[in-house]
Amino acid sequence: MTETTDTTKTRTAPPGPGGDHTPYVPRSPEFRAAAEALRGMRQDLLNDVLAYRPLPRLAEDAPFVRRFPAPLRRYARWVRHALVLLLAWATLVAGASSGQDLASPFYVLSSGVPAVAVVLTLLRPVAAFWLSYAWIFLFALVGQEAGDWPFHRAGFAGHLFVLTVVAIRTRPRTAAWMWLLTAVFGLLTEPFYGYPYGGSNTMEFLFLSAPVLLAVTVWHTRRDAVQEVTAQQTVTAHERSRRTLLEERTTIARELHDVVAHHMSVVAIQAEAAPYRVDNPPEELTKAFATIRENAVAALTELRRVLGVVRAEDYEAPDAPQPTLADLDALLANVREAGLPVEKTVTGAVRELPQGVELSAYRIVQEALSNTLRHAPGASARVEIGYVLGGLGLRVVNTPPPAAAPPASAPSGAGHGLTGMRERVTMLDGEMTAGPTPDGGYEVSVFLPARPLTEDGEPA
């Protein structure tokens, strides 16, 4: 006899939390879906059945509340509670319509308990559903009038109201579970209790409650979608505001880098060339100029290292020089072509100003006119430039827009253009005011201090 060896291997699952090996049991998608559904039902209707969840009042700024006069608004905030109490009263009226004696224990039990369940939805919604559900089952066992099984008139109305309120207060999945459990109860018990009473009204209840709960589900879905879109719009607006502010600061940093780097380069070159302009300069003077040049080069290197990081990787310095007030006429011509009538007035002795002041003044006028184009269509504008002893004054004012256009106002989103203007003014230790004019227009006034320049183009 030949001995054989079984080489079949048994597949085992990886060690579990306790370290033991259990046989691998595959789970079908259907099984996983059913298990997930049962977990959802347990979470919605079994966990924390008696949880205290009072229905909150409407907010003071709710659209419905704002429709009422101020003395009545504190009462209007309770409108949802009043509606639930009205549904409880309708449940009692439905029980009384069956012709029963209102003082009989049968009426008190058949109508009072469903009404109590409706009121309970204000405080404990899940417990209210189970109270209504259990009462239908218990009352069906006690016995009812012919044709009113399993829902007595008050029980029919009360259970429908409970399902509706609980569905509104929870979520669509809970509404589906409540409707399904009601259907299971009615359809499974009908062969045992339905025929002695001449039929069941379960189907009537299901067909009536289904569109109601469907409408509640659609309302939930729409509300969640609106909230999600609103939240996304808020995040988008915040990111857009932050990006706009960062871009403005980046632009200012780039321009500051270009201006300061130019002057530091001039200082380094002049310090290097200065000793050669004097015959037999003292050694101390030569060392002093060398030290000045070394410090200027070191400061320039450090400046490029710190401020240069704000440049994008693909940023290239513009070929054209930075704009100054001498280029303002071209800017005004472009604005006029865009449809904004604009006038320019210059007072004082026109003179050359430091490059940073010239550039900031140009950008401020540019941004102010851009805001006028965006926020006051159809208006006209005036640019006033005043050269004074201590610096430069700017005033950009626009007239109110025509009646058919929206009134002039500060830019929306906290005024990114105004923020950029203020940052430029602050950088130069200047002053700025901006706000509506009495006639409905808008005015931006700026003063930029500027020291006079020497013959070499440097501040005195």
Protein backbone atom coordinates (compact mmCIF):
# COMPACT_ATOMS: atom_id res chain seq x y z
CA MET A 1 0.00 0.00 0.00
CA THR A 2 1.36 3.38 -1.03
CA GLU A 3 1.18 6.23 1.46
CA THR A 4 -0.06 9.57 0.06
CA THR A 5 0.38 13.03 1.53
CA ASP A 6 -2.30 15.78 1.31
CA THR A 7 -0.58 18.99 0.26
CA THR A 8 -3.74 21.19 0.20
CA LYS A 9 -3.22 24.48 2.02
CA THR A 10 -5.90 26.16 4.08
CA ARG A 11 -6.15 29.93 3.62
CA THR A 12 -6.23 31.86 6.85
CA ALA A 13 -6.76 35.50 7.55
CA PRO A 14 -4.04 37.67 9.06
CA PRO A 15 -3.85 37.69 12.84
CA GLY A 16 -6.67 39.69 14.40
CA PRO A 17 -6.37 42.12 17.30
CA GLY A 18 -6.03 39.19 19.70
CA GLY A 19 -3.37 37.47 17.60
CA ASP A 20 -5.55 34.50 16.60
CA HIS A 21 -6.00 33.27 13.03
CA THR A 22 -9.58 32.99 11.80
CA PRO A 23 -10.74 31.42 8.52
CA TYR A 24 -11.09 33.93 5.68
CA VAL A 25 -14.75 34.51 4.85
CA PRO A 26 -15.39 36.59 1.74
CA ARG A 27 -18.13 39.23 2.01
CA SER A 28 -20.27 40.04 -0.99
CA PRO A 29 -21.12 43.62 -1.88
CA GLU A 30 -24.76 42.91 -1.04
CA PHE A 31 -23.83 41.68 2.43
CA ARG A 32 -21.67 44.74 3.07
CA ALA A 33 -24.44 47.06 1.87
CA ALA A 34 -26.98 45.37 4.17
CA ALA A 35 -24.58 45.54 7.12
CA GLU A 36 -23.96 49.22 6.46
CA ALA A 37 -27.69 49.88 6.26
CA LEU A 38 -28.31 48.14 9.58
CA ARG A 39 -25.54 50.17 11.18
CA GLY A 40 -27.21 53.30 9.85
CA MET A 41 -30.56 52.30 11.33
CA ARG A 42 -28.94 51.54 14.67
CA GLN A 43 -27.23 54.90 14.64
CA ASP A 44 -30.36 56.84 13.69
CA LEU A 45 -33.13 55.09 15.63
CA LEU A 46 -31.56 52.92 18.35
CA ASN A 47 -28.59 54.83 19.71
CA ASP A 48 -29.56 57.58 22.16
CA VAL A 49 -33.29 57.00 21.85
CA LEU A 50 -34.00 59.26 24.81
CA ALA A 51 -31.52 61.95 23.79
CA TYR A 52 -32.74 65.41 24.74
CA ARG A 53 -32.81 67.49 21.57
CA PRO A 54 -35.08 70.51 22.08
CA LEU A 55 -36.24 72.30 18.96
CA PRO A 56 -34.41 75.66 18.88
CA ARG A 57 -36.17 78.92 18.25
CA LEU A 58 -35.76 80.79 15.00
CA ALA A 59 -32.86 83.21 14.85
CA GLU A 60 -33.56 86.88 15.33
CA ASP A 61 -32.30 87.63 11.83
CA ALA A 62 -34.31 84.84 10.16
CA PRO A 63 -36.24 86.07 7.08
CA PHE A 64 -39.58 85.00 8.58
CA VAL A 65 -38.91 86.80 11.86
CA ARG A 66 -37.86 90.03 10.13
CA ARG A 67 -41.29 90.29 8.51
CA PHE A 68 -42.88 91.08 11.86
CA PRO A 69 -42.78 94.40 13.72
CA ALA A 70 -40.07 94.67 16.36
CA PRO A 71 -42.41 94.10 19.38
CA LEU A 72 -43.71 90.83 17.87
CA ARG A 73 -40.42 89.33 16.74
CA ARG A 74 -39.69 87.61 20.03
CA TYR A 75 -42.99 85.74 19.66
CA ALA A 76 -42.42 84.99 15.97
CA ARG A 77 -39.30 83.04 16.92
CA TRP A 78 -41.59 80.35 18.44
CA VAL A 79 -43.56 79.78 15.24
CA ARG A 80 -42.20 76.24 14.69
CA HIS A 81 -43.18 75.18 18.20
CA ALA A 82 -46.65 76.63 17.64
CA LEU A 83 -47.03 74.62 14.42
CA VAL A 84 -46.14 71.37 16.20
CA LEU A 85 -48.68 72.12 18.94
CA LEU A 86 -51.22 72.84 16.21
CA LEU A 87 -50.53 69.39 14.72
CA ALA A 88 -51.09 67.82 18.15
CA TRP A 89 -54.43 69.62 18.38
CA ALA A 90 -55.33 68.35 14.89
CA THR A 91 -54.59 64.82 16.13
CA LEU A 92 -57.10 65.24 18.97
CA VAL A 93 -59.67 66.63 16.54
CA ALA A 94 -59.16 63.66 14.22
CA GLY A 95 -59.91 61.30 17.12
CA ALA A 96 -63.03 63.25 18.07
CA SER A 97 -64.34 63.07 14.50
CA SER A 98 -64.94 59.33 14.89
CA GLY A 99 -68.03 60.05 17.03
CA GLN A 100 -66.63 58.73 20.30
CA ASP A 101 -67.44 60.07 23.71
CA LEU A 102 -64.75 62.60 24.51
CA ALA A 103 -64.83 61.61 28.17
CA SER A 104 -64.43 57.89 27.55
CA PRO A 105 -61.12 56.14 28.37
CA PHE A 106 -61.08 54.79 24.81
CA TYR A 107 -60.88 58.32 23.36
CA VAL A 108 -58.28 59.40 25.88
CA LEU A 109 -56.04 56.48 24.97
CA SER A 110 -56.65 56.37 21.22
CA SER A 111 -56.27 60.12 20.69
CA GLY A 112 -54.27 61.38 23.66
CA VAL A 113 -51.23 59.15 23.22
CA PRO A 114 -50.70 60.05 19.52
CA ALA A 115 -51.08 63.74 20.41
CA VAL A 116 -48.50 63.35 23.19
CA ALA A 117 -46.14 61.71 20.68
CA VAL A 118 -46.50 64.71 18.37
CA VAL A 119 -45.67 67.10 21.23
CA LEU A 120 -42.72 64.92 22.24
CA THR A 121 -41.06 65.61 18.87
CA LEU A 122 -40.20 69.05 20.27
CA LEU A 123 -37.88 67.52 22.87
CA ARG A 124 -37.00 63.89 22.01
CA PRO A 125 -37.73 63.20 18.33
CA VAL A 126 -36.49 59.59 18.19
CA ALA A 127 -38.40 58.66 21.37
CA ALA A 128 -41.51 60.28 19.88
CA PHE A 129 -41.32 57.98 16.86
CA TRP A 130 -40.96 54.83 18.98
CA LEU A 131 -43.85 55.92 21.22
CA SER A 132 -46.11 56.40 18.20
CA TYR A 133 -44.89 53.18 16.59
CA ALA A 134 -45.36 51.09 19.75
CA TRP A 135 -48.82 52.56 20.37
CA ILE A 136 -49.99 51.54 16.90
CA PHE A 137 -48.90 47.97 17.58
CA LEU A 138 -50.44 47.81 21.06
CA PHE A 139 -53.68 49.45 20.02
CA ALA A 140 -54.02 47.07 17.08
CA LEU A 141 -53.93 44.17 19.53
CA VAL A 142 -56.63 45.69 21.75
CA GLY A 143 -59.14 45.95 18.92
CA GLN A 144 -60.55 48.69 16.75
CA GLU A 145 -63.54 49.64 14.72
CA ALA A 146 -64.12 47.96 11.38
CA GLY A 147 -62.11 49.55 8.62
CA ASP A 148 -59.77 51.35 11.04
CA TRP A 149 -56.96 48.83 11.34
CA PRO A 150 -54.15 49.26 12.30
CA PHE A 151 -54.44 53.06 12.34
CA HIS A 152 -57.23 54.66 14.30
CA ARG A 153 -58.09 58.12 12.98
CA ALA A 154 -56.07 59.87 15.65
CA GLY A 155 -53.27 57.31 15.32
CA PHE A 156 -53.25 57.77 11.53
CA ALA A 157 -52.90 61.55 11.78
CA GLY A 158 -50.55 61.45 14.77
CA HIS A 159 -48.14 58.95 13.24
CA LEU A 160 -48.07 60.91 9.98
CA PHE A 161 -47.30 64.11 11.87
CA VAL A 162 -44.61 62.39 13.95
CA LEU A 163 -42.89 60.98 10.86
CA THR A 164 -42.96 64.38 9.18
CA VAL A 165 -41.60 66.37 12.13
CA VAL A 166 -38.92 63.80 12.99
CA ALA A 167 -37.84 63.63 9.34
CA ILE A 168 -37.51 67.42 9.26
CA ARG A 169 -35.52 67.45 12.48
CA THR A 170 -33.15 64.59 11.57
CA ARG A 171 -32.06 63.61 8.07
CA PRO A 172 -33.41 61.80 4.96
CA ARG A 173 -32.00 58.42 5.98
CA THR A 174 -33.97 58.51 9.23
CA ALA A 175 -37.16 59.31 7.31
CA ALA A 176 -36.59 56.29 5.07
CA TRP A 177 -36.08 53.97 8.06
CA MET A 178 -39.23 55.21 9.81
CA TRP A 179 -41.34 54.75 6.69
CA LEU A 180 -39.88 51.28 6.08
CA LEU A 181 -40.50 50.12 9.66
CA THR A 182 -44.11 51.31 9.45
CA ALA A 183 -44.57 49.43 6.19
CA VAL A 184 -43.05 46.25 7.63
CA PHE A 185 -45.36 46.39 10.64
CA GLY A 186 -48.51 46.89 8.58
CA LEU A 187 -47.74 44.39 5.83
CA LEU A 188 -46.46 41.58 8.06
CA THR A 189 -49.31 41.77 10.61
CA GLU A 190 -52.11 42.21 8.09
CA PRO A 191 -52.70 38.45 7.58
CA PHE A 192 -53.19 37.99 11.33
CA TYR A 193 -55.20 41.06 12.31
CA GLY A 194 -56.48 42.73 9.15
CA TYR A 195 -59.36 40.54 8.08
CA PRO A 196 -61.46 40.66 11.27
CA TYR A 197 -61.67 44.43 10.84
CA GLY A 198 -62.64 44.47 7.20
CA GLY A 199 -59.24 45.32 5.75
CA SER A 200 -56.17 47.37 6.53
CA ASN A 201 -55.47 51.04 5.98
CA THR A 202 -51.72 50.51 5.91
CA MET A 203 -51.48 51.09 2.17
CA GLU A 204 -53.42 54.33 2.47
CA PHE A 205 -50.99 55.51 5.12
CA LEU A 206 -47.94 54.51 3.08
CA PHE A 207 -49.18 56.17 -0.10
CA LEU A 208 -50.01 59.36 1.79
CA SER A 209 -46.81 59.52 3.83
CA ALA A 210 -44.44 58.63 0.98
CA PRO A 211 -44.80 61.94 -0.96
CA VAL A 212 -44.69 63.91 2.31
CA LEU A 213 -41.41 62.30 3.36
CA LEU A 214 -40.10 62.61 -0.20
CA ALA A 215 -40.79 66.35 -0.08
CA VAL A 216 -38.96 66.56 3.26
CA THR A 217 -36.03 64.66 1.75
CA VAL A 218 -35.88 67.03 -1.22
CA TRP A 219 -35.97 69.97 1.19
CA HIS A 220 -33.10 68.47 3.18
CA THR A 221 -31.08 67.85 0.03
CA ARG A 222 -31.65 71.36 -1.27
CA ARG A 223 -30.80 72.93 2.10
CA ASP A 224 -27.58 70.92 2.39
CA ALA A 225 -26.65 71.85 -1.17
CA VAL A 226 -27.28 75.53 -0.50
CA GLN A 227 -25.22 75.38 2.69
CA GLU A 228 -22.40 73.60 0.90
CA VAL A 229 -22.43 76.10 -1.96
CA THR A 230 -22.55 79.00 0.49
CA ALA A 231 -19.65 77.57 2.47
CA GLN A 232 -17.69 76.98 -0.73
CA GLN A 233 -18.41 80.52 -1.91
CA THR A 234 -17.27 81.87 1.45
CA VAL A 235 -14.04 79.89 1.24
CA THR A 236 -13.55 80.94 -2.37
CA ALA A 237 -14.16 84.60 -1.53
CA HIS A 238 -11.75 84.37 1.37
CA GLU A 239 -9.09 82.74 -0.78
CA ARG A 240 -9.67 85.28 -3.55
CA SER A 241 -9.36 88.12 -1.04
CA ARG A 242 -6.22 86.62 0.41
CA ARG A 243 -4.73 86.00 -3.04
CA THR A 244 -5.55 89.53 -4.19
CA LEU A 245 -3.96 91.00 -1.10
CA LEU A 246 -0.87 88.83 -1.50
CA GLU A 247 -0.57 89.75 -5.17
CA GLU A 248 -0.78 93.44 -4.30
CA ARG A 249 1.84 93.07 -1.60
CA THR A 250 4.02 91.07 -3.97
CA THR A 251 3.76 93.83 -6.57
CA ILE A 252 4.70 96.44 -3.99
CA ALA A 253 7.62 94.32 -2.79
CA ARG A 254 8.88 93.87 -6.35
CA GLU A 255 8.66 97.58 -7.05
CA LEU A 256 10.32 98.37 -3.71
CA HIS A 257 13.09 95.96 -4.57
CA ASP A 258 13.64 97.61 -7.95
CA VAL A 259 13.67 101.14 -6.49
CA VAL A 260 15.95 100.42 -3.53
CA ALA A 261 18.28 98.20 -5.55
CA HIS A 262 18.75 101.00 -8.07
CA HIS A 263 19.73 103.52 -5.42
CA MET A 264 22.00 101.08 -3.59
CA SER A 265 23.77 100.31 -6.86
CA VAL A 266 24.29 104.04 -7.44
CA VAL A 267 25.73 104.40 -3.93
CA ALA A 268 28.14 101.52 -4.51
CA ILE A 269 29.32 102.89 -7.87
CA GLN A 270 29.77 106.43 -6.57
CA ALA A 271 31.66 105.18 -3.51
CA GLU A 272 33.99 103.22 -5.74
CA ALA A 273 34.58 106.14 -8.12
CA ALA A 274 34.89 108.89 -5.49
CA PRO A 275 38.58 108.34 -4.57
CA TYR A 276 39.60 108.77 -8.20
CA ARG A 277 38.09 112.24 -8.32
CA VAL A 278 40.56 113.57 -5.76
CA ASP A 279 44.31 113.91 -6.30
CA ASN A 280 46.28 111.98 -3.72
CA PRO A 281 43.32 111.18 -1.44
CA PRO A 282 44.17 110.39 2.17
CA GLU A 283 44.34 106.76 3.09
CA GLU A 284 41.54 107.21 5.64
CA LEU A 285 39.26 108.65 2.94
CA THR A 286 40.03 105.77 0.59
CA LYS A 287 39.27 103.23 3.33
CA ALA A 288 36.07 105.08 4.20
CA PHE A 289 34.81 104.95 0.60
CA ALA A 290 35.82 101.29 0.37
CA THR A 291 33.85 100.57 3.52
CA ILE A 292 30.84 102.46 2.13
CA ARG A 293 31.03 100.44 -1.08
CA GLU A 294 31.35 97.13 0.80
CA ASN A 295 28.36 97.98 2.98
CA ALA A 296 26.32 99.05 -0.03
CA VAL A 297 27.13 95.84 -1.89
CA ALA A 298 26.35 93.75 1.21
CA ALA A 299 23.07 95.59 1.75
CA LEU A 300 22.19 95.12 -1.93
CA THR A 301 22.93 91.40 -1.72
CA GLU A 302 20.85 91.02 1.44
CA LEU A 303 18.02 93.06 -0.08
CA ARG A 304 17.93 90.87 -3.16
CA ARG A 305 17.97 87.76 -0.99
CA VAL A 306 15.08 88.92 1.22
CA LEU A 307 12.87 90.74 -1.25
CA GLY A 308 13.79 88.66 -4.26
CA VAL A 309 11.96 85.63 -2.87
CA VAL A 310 8.62 87.28 -3.65
CA ARG A 311 9.31 87.01 -7.35
CA ALA A 312 7.71 84.09 -9.13
CA GLU A 313 10.02 81.52 -10.62
CA ASP A 314 9.10 82.65 -14.13
CA TYR A 315 9.08 86.36 -13.26
CA GLU A 316 11.13 88.53 -15.53
CA ALA A 317 11.88 92.16 -14.87
CA PRO A 318 9.99 94.42 -17.27
CA ASP A 319 11.98 95.91 -20.10
CA ALA A 320 10.25 99.29 -19.79
CA PRO A 321 11.05 101.54 -16.81
CA GLN A 322 8.58 101.87 -13.96
CA PRO A 323 5.83 104.44 -14.68
CA THR A 324 5.99 107.92 -13.16
CA LEU A 325 3.71 110.94 -13.10
CA ALA A 326 5.13 111.90 -16.50
CA ASP A 327 3.24 108.87 -17.90
CA LEU A 328 -0.04 109.95 -16.35
CA ASP A 329 -1.39 111.54 -19.53
CA ALA A 330 -1.17 108.20 -21.36
CA LEU A 331 -3.03 106.53 -18.49
CA LEU A 332 -5.79 109.15 -18.60
CA ALA A 333 -6.10 108.70 -22.36
CA ASN A 334 -6.62 104.96 -21.91
CA VAL A 335 -9.23 105.61 -19.23
CA ARG A 336 -11.10 108.00 -21.50
CA GLU A 337 -11.14 105.37 -24.24
CA ALA A 338 -12.69 102.97 -21.71
CA GLY A 339 -15.62 105.37 -21.28
CA LEU A 340 -14.67 107.43 -18.21
CA PRO A 341 -14.47 111.20 -18.78
CA VAL A 342 -11.57 112.41 -16.65
CA GLU A 343 -9.86 115.77 -16.16
CA LYS A 344 -6.43 116.51 -14.72
CA THR A 345 -5.47 119.57 -12.73
CA VAL A 346 -1.89 120.32 -11.65
CA THR A 347 -1.00 123.00 -9.11
CA GLY A 348 2.37 124.07 -7.78
CA ALA A 349 5.80 123.94 -9.36
CA VAL A 350 6.22 120.65 -11.17
CA ARG A 351 9.48 119.01 -10.20
CA GLU A 352 11.10 115.59 -10.18
CA LEU A 353 10.28 113.50 -7.12
CA PRO A 354 11.94 110.36 -5.72
CA GLN A 355 11.24 107.30 -7.84
CA GLY A 356 9.23 105.56 -5.10
CA VAL A 357 6.93 108.58 -4.70
CA GLU A 358 6.44 108.92 -8.45
CA LEU A 359 5.63 105.23 -8.83
CA SER A 360 3.26 105.11 -5.84
CA ALA A 361 1.44 108.26 -7.00
CA TYR A 362 0.95 106.77 -10.47
CA ARG A 363 -0.36 103.46 -9.04
CA ILE A 364 -2.74 105.22 -6.66
CA VAL A 365 -4.28 107.29 -9.45
CA GLN A 366 -4.48 104.17 -11.62
CA GLU A 367 -6.29 102.15 -8.94
CA ALA A 368 -8.66 104.98 -8.05
CA LEU A 369 -9.73 105.41 -11.68
CA SER A 370 -10.11 101.64 -12.05
CA ASN A 371 -12.46 101.61 -9.04
CA THR A 372 -14.48 104.40 -10.64
CA LEU A 373 -14.84 102.40 -13.84
CA ARG A 374 -15.98 99.31 -11.92
CA HIS A 375 -18.22 100.80 -9.26
CA ALA A 376 -19.54 104.05 -10.79
CA PRO A 377 -20.33 103.32 -14.44
CA GLY A 378 -21.34 106.44 -16.33
CA ALA A 379 -19.74 108.85 -13.86
CA SER A 380 -16.94 111.33 -14.57
CA ALA A 381 -13.72 111.80 -12.62
CA ARG A 382 -11.20 114.48 -11.80
CA VAL A 383 -7.52 114.05 -10.87
CA GLU A 384 -5.88 116.83 -8.91
CA ILE A 385 -2.10 116.85 -8.38
CA GLY A 386 -0.53 119.40 -6.06
CA TYR A 387 3.22 119.93 -5.74
CA VAL A 388 3.91 121.43 -2.32
CA LEU A 389 7.10 122.08 -0.40
CA GLY A 390 6.91 118.95 1.75
CA GLY A 391 5.74 116.47 -0.81
CA LEU A 392 2.93 115.63 -3.24
CA GLY A 393 -0.84 115.85 -2.82
CA LEU A 394 -3.26 113.71 -4.83
CA ARG A 395 -7.04 113.88 -5.04
CA VAL A 396 -9.14 111.62 -7.25
CA VAL A 397 -12.87 112.24 -7.06
CA ASN A 398 -15.72 110.92 -9.18
CA THR A 399 -19.26 112.20 -9.59
CA PRO A 400 -22.25 110.03 -8.68
CA PRO A 401 -23.29 107.59 -11.41
CA PRO A 402 -26.49 108.19 -13.39
CA ALA A 403 -29.77 107.16 -11.81
CA ALA A 404 -29.97 104.02 -13.96
CA ALA A 405 -26.62 102.78 -12.67
CA PRO A 406 -25.86 101.58 -9.14
CA PRO A 407 -24.56 104.29 -6.77
CA ALA A 408 -20.86 104.75 -6.28
CA SER A 409 -19.46 102.94 -3.28
CA ALA A 410 -16.30 101.48 -1.93
CA PRO A 411 -15.14 98.35 -3.72
CA SER A 412 -16.72 95.16 -2.45
CA GLY A 413 -14.80 92.54 -0.49
CA ALA A 414 -13.32 95.04 2.01
CA GLY A 415 -11.71 97.09 -0.80
CA HIS A 416 -8.58 95.32 -2.07
CA GLY A 417 -7.69 98.35 -4.19
CA LEU A 418 -8.01 100.64 -1.20
CA THR A 419 -5.88 98.24 0.83
CA GLY A 420 -3.13 98.41 -1.78
CA MET A 421 -3.30 102.21 -1.81
CA ARG A 422 -3.01 102.40 1.96
CA GLU A 423 -0.04 100.04 1.96
CA ARG A 424 1.76 102.22 -0.57
CA VAL A 425 0.98 105.36 1.42
CA THR A 426 2.06 103.73 4.69
CA MET A 427 5.31 102.59 3.08
CA LEU A 428 6.13 106.23 2.36
CA ASP A 429 4.88 107.56 5.75
CA GLY A 430 2.06 109.42 4.02
CA GLU A 431 -1.60 110.03 4.78
CA MET A 432 -4.74 108.86 3.00
CA THR A 433 -8.49 109.32 3.32
CA ALA A 434 -11.19 107.68 1.22
CA GLY A 435 -14.95 107.85 1.39
CA PRO A 436 -18.20 108.98 -0.24
CA THR A 437 -18.75 112.63 -1.07
CA PRO A 438 -21.91 114.52 -0.03
CA ASP A 439 -23.29 114.42 -3.57
CA GLY A 440 -23.01 110.61 -3.79
CA GLY A 441 -19.65 110.29 -5.48
CA TYR A 442 -16.39 108.99 -4.07
CA GLU A 443 -13.12 110.69 -3.17
CA VAL A 444 -9.57 109.47 -2.51
CA SER A 445 -7.15 112.00 -1.02
CA VAL A 446 -3.47 111.23 -0.47
CA PHE A 447 -0.42 113.15 0.72
CA LEU A 448 3.01 111.65 0.04
CA PRO A 449 5.95 113.33 1.78
CA ALA A 450 8.98 113.78 -0.46
CA ARG A 451 12.32 115.38 0.13
CA PRO A 452 13.70 117.54 -2.73
CA LEU A 453 16.30 115.92 -4.97
CA THR A 454 19.88 117.08 -5.50
CA GLU A 455 21.51 117.58 -8.85
CA ASP A 456 22.57 113.92 -8.80
CA GLY A 457 18.96 112.77 -8.43
CA GLU A 458 19.34 111.80 -4.78
CA PRO A 459 17.12 113.01 -1.91
CA ALA A 460 18.57 116.10 -0.22
